[in-house]
Amino acid sequence: MSREVNHAASHVETANQAYNAGQWDVALVFVEKAINADPRDSDAQHLRGLIALKLGELTEAQTWLTRAVL
């Protein structure tokens, strides 16, 4: 596993914890770090879409959720 992928997984884990705690802004910061470290990470893309939904960004949510499954 490359260093970038390790960082992405770590950031996704932190983002998930923040998301589950209802800290959408914190989750957003960490999921964006994960996506920057590994743009192909479907878990990060999925979580980014869920965060966008919580923030009321419906078009953004659709974009990220679609990327996660394609």
PDB file of N, CA and C in Angstrom:
ATOM      1  N   MET A   1       0.853  -1.181   0.000  1.00  0.00           N
ATOM      2  CA  MET A   1       0.000   0.000   0.000  1.00  0.00           C
ATOM      3  C   MET A   1       0.894   1.236   0.000  1.00  0.00           C
ATOM      4  N   SER A   2       0.580   2.163  -0.879  1.00  0.00           N
ATOM      5  CA  SER A   2       1.410   3.355  -0.973  1.00  0.00           C
ATOM      6  C   SER A   2       1.131   4.293   0.194  1.00  0.00           C
ATOM      7  N   ARG A   3       2.042   5.191   0.399  1.00  0.00           N
ATOM      8  CA  ARG A   3       1.927   6.151   1.487  1.00  0.00           C
ATOM      9  C   ARG A   3       0.675   7.024   1.344  1.00  0.00           C
ATOM     10  N   GLU A   4       0.373   7.449   0.106  1.00  0.00           N
ATOM     11  CA  GLU A   4      -0.803   8.276  -0.139  1.00  0.00           C
ATOM     12  C   GLU A   4      -2.084   7.537   0.230  1.00  0.00           C
ATOM     13  N   VAL A   5      -2.161   6.254  -0.122  1.00  0.00           N
ATOM     14  CA  VAL A   5      -3.340   5.454   0.180  1.00  0.00           C
ATOM     15  C   VAL A   5      -3.488   5.294   1.692  1.00  0.00           C
ATOM     16  N   ASN A   6      -2.377   5.093   2.400  1.00  0.00           N
ATOM     17  CA  ASN A   6      -2.428   5.010   3.856  1.00  0.00           C
ATOM     18  C   ASN A   6      -2.983   6.291   4.447  1.00  0.00           C
ATOM     19  N   HIS A   7      -2.507   7.425   3.937  1.00  0.00           N
ATOM     20  CA  HIS A   7      -3.006   8.715   4.421  1.00  0.00           C
ATOM     21  C   HIS A   7      -4.486   8.865   4.105  1.00  0.00           C
ATOM     22  N   ALA A   8      -4.887   8.445   2.926  1.00  0.00           N
ATOM     23  CA  ALA A   8      -6.291   8.548   2.541  1.00  0.00           C
ATOM     24  C   ALA A   8      -7.156   7.736   3.501  1.00  0.00           C
ATOM     25  N   ALA A   9      -6.758   6.519   3.788  1.00  0.00           N
ATOM     26  CA  ALA A   9      -7.534   5.663   4.688  1.00  0.00           C
ATOM     27  C   ALA A   9      -7.629   6.266   6.076  1.00  0.00           C
ATOM     28  N   SER A  10      -6.544   6.829   6.547  1.00  0.00           N
ATOM     29  CA  SER A  10      -6.538   7.474   7.856  1.00  0.00           C
ATOM     30  C   SER A  10      -7.475   8.673   7.879  1.00  0.00           C
ATOM     31  N   HIS A  11      -7.446   9.463   6.831  1.00  0.00           N
ATOM     32  CA  HIS A  11      -8.322  10.632   6.738  1.00  0.00           C
ATOM     33  C   HIS A  11      -9.792  10.212   6.633  1.00  0.00           C
ATOM     34  N   VAL A  12     -10.073   9.142   5.891  1.00  0.00           N
ATOM     35  CA  VAL A  12     -11.448   8.659   5.769  1.00  0.00           C
ATOM     36  C   VAL A  12     -11.950   8.196   7.140  1.00  0.00           C
ATOM     37  N   GLU A  13     -11.107   7.516   7.871  1.00  0.00           N
ATOM     38  CA  GLU A  13     -11.497   7.052   9.208  1.00  0.00           C
ATOM     39  C   GLU A  13     -11.841   8.239  10.121  1.00  0.00           C
ATOM     40  N   THR A  14     -10.997   9.255  10.108  1.00  0.00           N
ATOM     41  CA  THR A  14     -11.257  10.451  10.915  1.00  0.00           C
ATOM     42  C   THR A  14     -12.523  11.156  10.438  1.00  0.00           C
ATOM     43  N   ALA A  15     -12.709  11.234   9.133  1.00  0.00           N
ATOM     44  CA  ALA A  15     -13.902  11.865   8.569  1.00  0.00           C
ATOM     45  C   ALA A  15     -15.161  11.099   8.978  1.00  0.00           C
ATOM     46  N   ASN A  16     -15.086   9.779   8.954  1.00  0.00           N
ATOM     47  CA  ASN A  16     -16.224   8.955   9.372  1.00  0.00           C
ATOM     48  C   ASN A  16     -16.587   9.207  10.833  1.00  0.00           C
ATOM     49  N   GLN A  17     -15.581   9.308  11.679  1.00  0.00           N
ATOM     50  CA  GLN A  17     -15.833   9.566  13.091  1.00  0.00           C
ATOM     51  C   GLN A  17     -16.519  10.915  13.275  1.00  0.00           C
ATOM     52  N   ALA A  18     -16.042  11.923  12.573  1.00  0.00           N
ATOM     53  CA  ALA A  18     -16.645  13.251  12.666  1.00  0.00           C
ATOM     54  C   ALA A  18     -18.068  13.226  12.101  1.00  0.00           C
ATOM     55  N   TYR A  19     -18.265  12.536  10.987  1.00  0.00           N
ATOM     56  CA  TYR A  19     -19.588  12.423  10.378  1.00  0.00           C
ATOM     57  C   TYR A  19     -20.567  11.780  11.366  1.00  0.00           C
ATOM     58  N   ASN A  20     -20.151  10.683  11.964  1.00  0.00           N
ATOM     59  CA  ASN A  20     -21.015   9.973  12.909  1.00  0.00           C
ATOM     60  C   ASN A  20     -21.318  10.798  14.155  1.00  0.00           C
ATOM     61  N   ALA A  21     -20.443  11.754  14.466  1.00  0.00           N
ATOM     62  CA  ALA A  21     -20.652  12.645  15.605  1.00  0.00           C
ATOM     63  C   ALA A  21     -21.457  13.889  15.216  1.00  0.00           C
ATOM     64  N   GLY A  22     -21.844  13.981  13.942  1.00  0.00           N
ATOM     65  CA  GLY A  22     -22.615  15.125  13.479  1.00  0.00           C
ATOM     66  C   GLY A  22     -21.788  16.368  13.232  1.00  0.00           C
ATOM     67  N   GLN A  23     -20.479  16.197  13.105  1.00  0.00           N
ATOM     68  CA  GLN A  23     -19.568  17.319  12.861  1.00  0.00           C
ATOM     69  C   GLN A  23     -19.264  17.380  11.365  1.00  0.00           C
ATOM     70  N   TRP A  24     -20.253  17.871  10.609  1.00  0.00           N
ATOM     71  CA  TRP A  24     -20.154  17.841   9.146  1.00  0.00           C
ATOM     72  C   TRP A  24     -18.959  18.634   8.631  1.00  0.00           C
ATOM     73  N   ASP A  25     -18.694  19.802   9.200  1.00  0.00           N
ATOM     74  CA  ASP A  25     -17.582  20.633   8.709  1.00  0.00           C
ATOM     75  C   ASP A  25     -16.233  19.963   8.941  1.00  0.00           C
ATOM     76  N   VAL A  26     -16.082  19.319  10.085  1.00  0.00           N
ATOM     77  CA  VAL A  26     -14.833  18.597  10.381  1.00  0.00           C
ATOM     78  C   VAL A  26     -14.704  17.401   9.434  1.00  0.00           C
ATOM     79  N   ALA A  27     -15.800  16.685   9.258  1.00  0.00           N
ATOM     80  CA  ALA A  27     -15.785  15.537   8.346  1.00  0.00           C
ATOM     81  C   ALA A  27     -15.391  15.969   6.941  1.00  0.00           C
ATOM     82  N   LEU A  28     -15.906  17.119   6.524  1.00  0.00           N
ATOM     83  CA  LEU A  28     -15.600  17.632   5.187  1.00  0.00           C
ATOM     84  C   LEU A  28     -14.107  17.906   5.022  1.00  0.00           C
ATOM     85  N   VAL A  29     -13.496  18.497   6.013  1.00  0.00           N
ATOM     86  CA  VAL A  29     -12.061  18.792   5.944  1.00  0.00           C
ATOM     87  C   VAL A  29     -11.264  17.502   5.741  1.00  0.00           C
ATOM     88  N   PHE A  30     -11.584  16.477   6.520  1.00  0.00           N
ATOM     89  CA  PHE A  30     -10.801  15.242   6.444  1.00  0.00           C
ATOM     90  C   PHE A  30     -11.113  14.419   5.207  1.00  0.00           C
ATOM     91  N   VAL A  31     -12.361  14.426   4.756  1.00  0.00           N
ATOM     92  CA  VAL A  31     -12.661  13.669   3.548  1.00  0.00           C
ATOM     93  C   VAL A  31     -12.020  14.334   2.331  1.00  0.00           C
ATOM     94  N   GLU A  32     -11.926  15.646   2.342  1.00  0.00           N
ATOM     95  CA  GLU A  32     -11.235  16.320   1.233  1.00  0.00           C
ATOM     96  C   GLU A  32      -9.743  16.007   1.248  1.00  0.00           C
ATOM     97  N   LYS A  33      -9.161  15.887   2.439  1.00  0.00           N
ATOM     98  CA  LYS A  33      -7.749  15.464   2.525  1.00  0.00           C
ATOM     99  C   LYS A  33      -7.596  14.057   1.957  1.00  0.00           C
ATOM    100  N   ALA A  34      -8.544  13.183   2.264  1.00  0.00           N
ATOM    101  CA  ALA A  34      -8.489  11.810   1.755  1.00  0.00           C
ATOM    102  C   ALA A  34      -8.569  11.795   0.234  1.00  0.00           C
ATOM    103  N   ILE A  35      -9.472  12.579  -0.316  1.00  0.00           N
ATOM    104  CA  ILE A  35      -9.629  12.631  -1.775  1.00  0.00           C
ATOM    105  C   ILE A  35      -8.390  13.222  -2.431  1.00  0.00           C
ATOM    106  N   ASN A  36      -7.780  14.207  -1.801  1.00  0.00           N
ATOM    107  CA  ASN A  36      -6.530  14.762  -2.338  1.00  0.00           C
ATOM    108  C   ASN A  36      -5.409  13.734  -2.309  1.00  0.00           C
ATOM    109  N   ALA A  37      -5.375  12.897  -1.277  1.00  0.00           N
ATOM    110  CA  ALA A  37      -4.333  11.873  -1.173  1.00  0.00           C
ATOM    111  C   ALA A  37      -4.570  10.728  -2.150  1.00  0.00           C
ATOM    112  N   ASP A  38      -5.842  10.384  -2.387  1.00  0.00           N
ATOM    113  CA  ASP A  38      -6.181   9.297  -3.308  1.00  0.00           C
ATOM    114  C   ASP A  38      -7.511   9.611  -3.983  1.00  0.00           C
ATOM    115  N   PRO A  39      -7.469  10.296  -5.104  1.00  0.00           N
ATOM    116  CA  PRO A  39      -8.698  10.719  -5.795  1.00  0.00           C
ATOM    117  C   PRO A  39      -9.608   9.573  -6.234  1.00  0.00           C
ATOM    118  N   ARG A  40      -9.101   8.350  -6.276  1.00  0.00           N
ATOM    119  CA  ARG A  40      -9.898   7.201  -6.707  1.00  0.00           C
ATOM    120  C   ARG A  40     -10.548   6.449  -5.555  1.00  0.00           C
ATOM    121  N   ASP A  41     -10.371   6.910  -4.332  1.00  0.00           N
ATOM    122  CA  ASP A  41     -10.900   6.227  -3.147  1.00  0.00           C
ATOM    123  C   ASP A  41     -12.426   6.335  -3.125  1.00  0.00           C
ATOM    124  N   SER A  42     -13.105   5.228  -3.443  1.00  0.00           N
ATOM    125  CA  SER A  42     -14.566   5.262  -3.522  1.00  0.00           C
ATOM    126  C   SER A  42     -15.216   5.457  -2.155  1.00  0.00           C
ATOM    127  N   ASP A  43     -14.575   5.006  -1.082  1.00  0.00           N
ATOM    128  CA  ASP A  43     -15.126   5.251   0.259  1.00  0.00           C
ATOM    129  C   ASP A  43     -15.133   6.746   0.566  1.00  0.00           C
ATOM    130  N   ALA A  44     -14.050   7.413   0.216  1.00  0.00           N
ATOM    131  CA  ALA A  44     -13.969   8.864   0.430  1.00  0.00           C
ATOM    132  C   ALA A  44     -14.991   9.592  -0.439  1.00  0.00           C
ATOM    133  N   GLN A  45     -15.135   9.165  -1.682  1.00  0.00           N
ATOM    134  CA  GLN A  45     -16.111   9.788  -2.575  1.00  0.00           C
ATOM    135  C   GLN A  45     -17.532   9.605  -2.038  1.00  0.00           C
ATOM    136  N   HIS A  46     -17.823   8.418  -1.565  1.00  0.00           N
ATOM    137  CA  HIS A  46     -19.152   8.135  -1.005  1.00  0.00           C
ATOM    138  C   HIS A  46     -19.416   9.017   0.210  1.00  0.00           C
ATOM    139  N   LEU A  47     -18.458   9.060   1.116  1.00  0.00           N
ATOM    140  CA  LEU A  47     -18.617   9.884   2.314  1.00  0.00           C
ATOM    141  C   LEU A  47     -18.749  11.358   1.948  1.00  0.00           C
ATOM    142  N   ARG A  48     -18.003  11.797   0.936  1.00  0.00           N
ATOM    143  CA  ARG A  48     -18.115  13.195   0.488  1.00  0.00           C
ATOM    144  C   ARG A  48     -19.532  13.485   0.023  1.00  0.00           C
ATOM    145  N   GLY A  49     -20.132  12.526  -0.659  1.00  0.00           N
ATOM    146  CA  GLY A  49     -21.510  12.687  -1.093  1.00  0.00           C
ATOM    147  C   GLY A  49     -22.487  12.750   0.074  1.00  0.00           C
ATOM    148  N   LEU A  50     -22.276  11.913   1.068  1.00  0.00           N
ATOM    149  CA  LEU A  50     -23.146  11.925   2.248  1.00  0.00           C
ATOM    150  C   LEU A  50     -23.023  13.241   3.019  1.00  0.00           C
ATOM    151  N   ILE A  51     -21.814  13.744   3.116  1.00  0.00           N
ATOM    152  CA  ILE A  51     -21.600  15.029   3.795  1.00  0.00           C
ATOM    153  C   ILE A  51     -22.309  16.137   3.023  1.00  0.00           C
ATOM    154  N   ALA A  52     -22.192  16.115   1.714  1.00  0.00           N
ATOM    155  CA  ALA A  52     -22.875  17.123   0.898  1.00  0.00           C
ATOM    156  C   ALA A  52     -24.386  17.078   1.144  1.00  0.00           C
ATOM    157  N   LEU A  53     -24.947  15.881   1.272  1.00  0.00           N
ATOM    158  CA  LEU A  53     -26.378  15.763   1.576  1.00  0.00           C
ATOM    159  C   LEU A  53     -26.705  16.440   2.907  1.00  0.00           C
ATOM    160  N   LYS A  54     -25.905  16.173   3.916  1.00  0.00           N
ATOM    161  CA  LYS A  54     -26.132  16.769   5.238  1.00  0.00           C
ATOM    162  C   LYS A  54     -26.033  18.287   5.194  1.00  0.00           C
ATOM    163  N   LEU A  55     -25.179  18.792   4.303  1.00  0.00           N
ATOM    164  CA  LEU A  55     -24.988  20.235   4.179  1.00  0.00           C
ATOM    165  C   LEU A  55     -25.995  20.868   3.218  1.00  0.00           C
ATOM    166  N   GLY A  56     -26.891  20.050   2.654  1.00  0.00           N
ATOM    167  CA  GLY A  56     -27.910  20.566   1.749  1.00  0.00           C
ATOM    168  C   GLY A  56     -27.416  20.867   0.349  1.00  0.00           C
ATOM    169  N   GLU A  57     -26.262  20.329  -0.008  1.00  0.00           N
ATOM    170  CA  GLU A  57     -25.663  20.540  -1.331  1.00  0.00           C
ATOM    171  C   GLU A  57     -26.046  19.365  -2.234  1.00  0.00           C
ATOM    172  N   LEU A  58     -27.265  19.396  -2.745  1.00  0.00           N
ATOM    173  CA  LEU A  58     -27.817  18.236  -3.435  1.00  0.00           C
ATOM    174  C   LEU A  58     -27.107  17.905  -4.745  1.00  0.00           C
ATOM    175  N   THR A  59     -26.774  18.913  -5.530  1.00  0.00           N
ATOM    176  CA  THR A  59     -26.067  18.662  -6.793  1.00  0.00           C
ATOM    177  C   THR A  59     -24.684  18.088  -6.520  1.00  0.00           C
ATOM    178  N   GLU A  60     -23.999  18.661  -5.536  1.00  0.00           N
ATOM    179  CA  GLU A  60     -22.674  18.172  -5.140  1.00  0.00           C
ATOM    180  C   GLU A  60     -22.776  16.725  -4.640  1.00  0.00           C
ATOM    181  N   ALA A  61     -23.800  16.443  -3.867  1.00  0.00           N
ATOM    182  CA  ALA A  61     -24.003  15.090  -3.342  1.00  0.00           C
ATOM    183  C   ALA A  61     -24.181  14.095  -4.487  1.00  0.00           C
ATOM    184  N   GLN A  62     -25.010  14.457  -5.437  1.00  0.00           N
ATOM    185  CA  GLN A  62     -25.248  13.574  -6.577  1.00  0.00           C
ATOM    186  C   GLN A  62     -23.954  13.300  -7.342  1.00  0.00           C
ATOM    187  N   THR A  63     -23.163  14.337  -7.536  1.00  0.00           N
ATOM    188  CA  THR A  63     -21.894  14.182  -8.258  1.00  0.00           C
ATOM    189  C   THR A  63     -20.973  13.198  -7.534  1.00  0.00           C
ATOM    190  N   TRP A  64     -20.782  13.395  -6.242  1.00  0.00           N
ATOM    191  CA  TRP A  64     -19.864  12.536  -5.482  1.00  0.00           C
ATOM    192  C   TRP A  64     -20.382  11.111  -5.342  1.00  0.00           C
ATOM    193  N   LEU A  65     -21.670  10.960  -5.115  1.00  0.00           N
ATOM    194  CA  LEU A  65     -22.227   9.605  -4.973  1.00  0.00           C
ATOM    195  C   LEU A  65     -22.145   8.840  -6.296  1.00  0.00           C
ATOM    196  N   THR A  66     -22.321   9.547  -7.395  1.00  0.00           N
ATOM    197  CA  THR A  66     -22.185   8.914  -8.716  1.00  0.00           C
ATOM    198  C   THR A  66     -20.737   8.491  -8.949  1.00  0.00           C
ATOM    199  N   ARG A  67     -19.787   9.339  -8.616  1.00  0.00           N
ATOM    200  CA  ARG A  67     -18.370   8.980  -8.768  1.00  0.00           C
ATOM    201  C   ARG A  67     -18.019   7.753  -7.948  1.00  0.00           C
ATOM    202  N   ALA A  68     -18.617   7.651  -6.771  1.00  0.00           N
ATOM    203  CA  ALA A  68     -18.290   6.541  -5.869  1.00  0.00           C
ATOM    204  C   ALA A  68     -18.681   5.178  -6.446  1.00  0.00           C
ATOM    205  N   VAL A  69     -19.728   5.160  -7.246  1.00  0.00           N
ATOM    206  CA  VAL A  69     -20.204   3.871  -7.762  1.00  0.00           C
ATOM    207  C   VAL A  69     -19.729   3.564  -9.175  1.00  0.00           C
ATOM    208  N   LEU A  70     -19.130   4.547  -9.838  1.00  0.00           N
ATOM    209  CA  LEU A  70     -18.664   4.297 -11.210  1.00  0.00           C
ATOM    210  C   LEU A  70     -17.213   3.931 -11.286  1.00  0.00           C
TER     211      LEU A  70
END
